[in-house]
Amino acid sequence: MTNGSILDTNVITKMLDKDPVAINMVKSIENLYTSIIVTGELYFAAANSTRREANFNIFREVLSCMEIIPIDDEACMSYAEIKLELKKKGKTNSG
């Protein structure tokens, strides 16, 4: 992975909603990445919408412009440790 930014679901959906801040931020990034989890969230949103096929096509087009990062066991363990530390500090209210 070269220098760039990993986009989350919120940034991608704001960009698609034509949010100028999100659009300008994404335009300034040379290499775009997202995770397989974000891909699943976007596909769920499409599947749960009244415009399923149109939304699937939109999401596929957007995702084709970035590298999708797979999640492996090491990444999941890192997530668990970070979330546990945040919970101990009172910085998360879930799980």
Protein backbone atom coordinates (compact mmCIF):
# COMPACT_ATOMS: atom_id res chain seq x y z
CA MET A 1 0.00 0.00 0.00
CA THR A 2 1.47 3.35 -1.02
CA ASN A 3 0.72 6.70 0.61
CA GLY A 4 -2.92 7.67 0.47
CA SER A 5 -6.03 7.58 2.62
CA ILE A 6 -8.47 4.91 3.66
CA LEU A 7 -12.03 6.07 3.13
CA ASP A 8 -14.79 4.94 5.46
CA THR A 9 -18.46 4.48 4.68
CA ASN A 10 -19.37 7.98 5.87
CA VAL A 11 -16.89 9.73 3.57
CA ILE A 12 -17.93 7.67 0.55
CA THR A 13 -21.64 8.24 1.10
CA LYS A 14 -21.13 11.97 1.76
CA MET A 15 -19.14 12.20 -1.44
CA LEU A 16 -21.95 10.47 -3.33
CA ASP A 17 -24.43 12.88 -1.72
CA LYS A 18 -22.35 15.69 -3.28
CA ASP A 19 -21.06 17.02 0.05
CA PRO A 20 -18.49 19.67 -1.02
CA VAL A 21 -16.18 19.05 1.95
CA ALA A 22 -16.03 15.30 1.24
CA ILE A 23 -15.57 15.87 -2.50
CA ASN A 24 -12.71 18.34 -1.99
CA MET A 25 -11.03 16.05 0.52
CA VAL A 26 -11.21 13.04 -1.79
CA LYS A 27 -10.02 15.08 -4.79
CA SER A 28 -6.87 16.01 -2.87
CA ILE A 29 -5.90 12.38 -2.21
CA GLU A 30 -3.69 10.64 -4.76
CA ASN A 31 -4.24 7.01 -3.68
CA LEU A 32 -7.62 5.94 -2.38
CA TYR A 33 -8.25 2.85 -0.28
CA THR A 34 -11.16 1.34 1.58
CA SER A 35 -11.71 -1.88 3.47
CA ILE A 36 -13.67 -4.98 2.65
CA ILE A 37 -15.90 -4.07 5.62
CA VAL A 38 -16.83 -0.73 4.04
CA THR A 39 -17.53 -2.57 0.79
CA GLY A 40 -19.94 -4.83 2.66
CA GLU A 41 -21.64 -1.86 4.31
CA LEU A 42 -22.14 -0.15 0.96
CA TYR A 43 -23.48 -3.33 -0.63
CA PHE A 44 -25.86 -3.79 2.30
CA ALA A 45 -27.12 -0.22 1.80
CA ALA A 46 -27.70 -0.98 -1.88
CA ALA A 47 -29.46 -4.27 -1.11
CA ASN A 48 -31.66 -2.51 1.44
CA SER A 49 -32.65 0.31 -0.92
CA THR A 50 -35.54 0.72 -3.32
CA ARG A 51 -33.03 1.33 -6.14
CA ARG A 52 -30.97 -1.84 -5.62
CA GLU A 53 -29.37 -2.28 -9.04
CA ALA A 54 -28.73 1.43 -9.56
CA ASN A 55 -27.08 1.71 -6.15
CA PHE A 56 -25.02 -1.46 -6.65
CA ASN A 57 -23.77 0.00 -9.93
CA ILE A 58 -22.93 3.34 -8.32
CA PHE A 59 -21.04 1.67 -5.47
CA ARG A 60 -19.18 -0.66 -7.83
CA GLU A 61 -18.09 2.30 -9.95
CA VAL A 62 -16.86 4.25 -6.92
CA LEU A 63 -15.09 1.21 -5.46
CA SER A 64 -13.36 0.54 -8.78
CA CYS A 65 -11.43 3.79 -8.24
CA MET A 66 -9.78 2.57 -5.05
CA GLU A 67 -7.92 -0.40 -3.69
CA ILE A 68 -9.99 -2.56 -1.36
CA ILE A 69 -7.98 -3.72 1.63
CA PRO A 70 -8.79 -7.22 2.87
CA ILE A 71 -9.09 -7.87 6.57
CA ASP A 72 -6.94 -10.64 7.99
CA ASP A 73 -6.59 -12.12 11.47
CA GLU A 74 -3.77 -9.73 12.39
CA ALA A 75 -5.93 -6.72 11.52
CA CYS A 76 -8.83 -8.11 13.53
CA MET A 77 -6.58 -8.63 16.56
CA SER A 78 -5.27 -5.06 16.24
CA TYR A 79 -8.85 -3.80 16.11
CA ALA A 80 -9.74 -5.78 19.24
CA GLU A 81 -6.75 -4.43 21.17
CA ILE A 82 -7.37 -0.81 20.12
CA LYS A 83 -11.07 -1.04 20.94
CA LEU A 84 -10.27 -2.58 24.34
CA GLU A 85 -7.87 0.26 25.15
CA LEU A 86 -10.45 2.85 24.09
CA LYS A 87 -13.09 1.13 26.21
CA LYS A 88 -10.79 1.18 29.24
CA LYS A 89 -10.33 4.93 28.68
CA GLY A 90 -14.09 5.43 28.36
CA LYS A 91 -13.78 6.51 24.73
CA THR A 92 -16.29 4.08 23.24
CA ASN A 93 -19.84 3.23 24.18
CA SER A 94 -20.28 0.06 22.14
CA GLY A 95 -19.34 -3.56 22.72
